[in-house]
Amino acid sequence: MERELGEIIQEYKANALFEMKVGGGIALTGIAAFFFCLVFGIDILAGLLLLYDVVGPILGIVIVIVSLVKWNNRLVVHEHGMVQHFAWRAESFKWSEVAGIEARERRHYASGVAYAMDFKATILMKNGRRHPITAVGLNRRMIDLIRAMIEKSDTKLREG
């Protein structure tokens, strides 16, 4: 399917390596706390450690699994269309079938200060269907590239 979409113009892939490291660290420290409780017995501090050595590995493993699922999510813009890859499937769109893109800026705040910004976008098809783009950390450059490719395709259809 991707071959018929032509040459790759741009590929965007989220980096989930940080989340994987955090999840792995939480899981490993939880397991270490469990062995600490086993070796040194249970005392006042061990009650807290006991809670952590049960919750820590579970939480860490869940974070690692979510990161692995995100790892394969990517958006590939081709000459004649785009492909959105998910963990277990891919969805492709030809520019000739796309009517436009709707994008909304999202700012993420902590203590009243914006620390990050990304976009929530939806591909609008000519048949009326809407397909959300789920790439993590979608940025303005990617949105502008998609808009330019749609306009280029529309121009070619009108001329041809």
Foldseek 3Di string as FASTA:
>chain_A
DVVVLAAWDDKFADDLPVLLVVLVVQLVVLCVLVVVCVVVPDDPVNVVSVVSVVPRNVSSVVSNVVSLQSRQFMKIQHLQWIWTDGSPDIDIDGLVFWPAKDKDKDFDDDPRDGPDIAIWMWTQTPVGDIHTRDHPRHHPVNRVVSRVSSVVVVVVVVVD
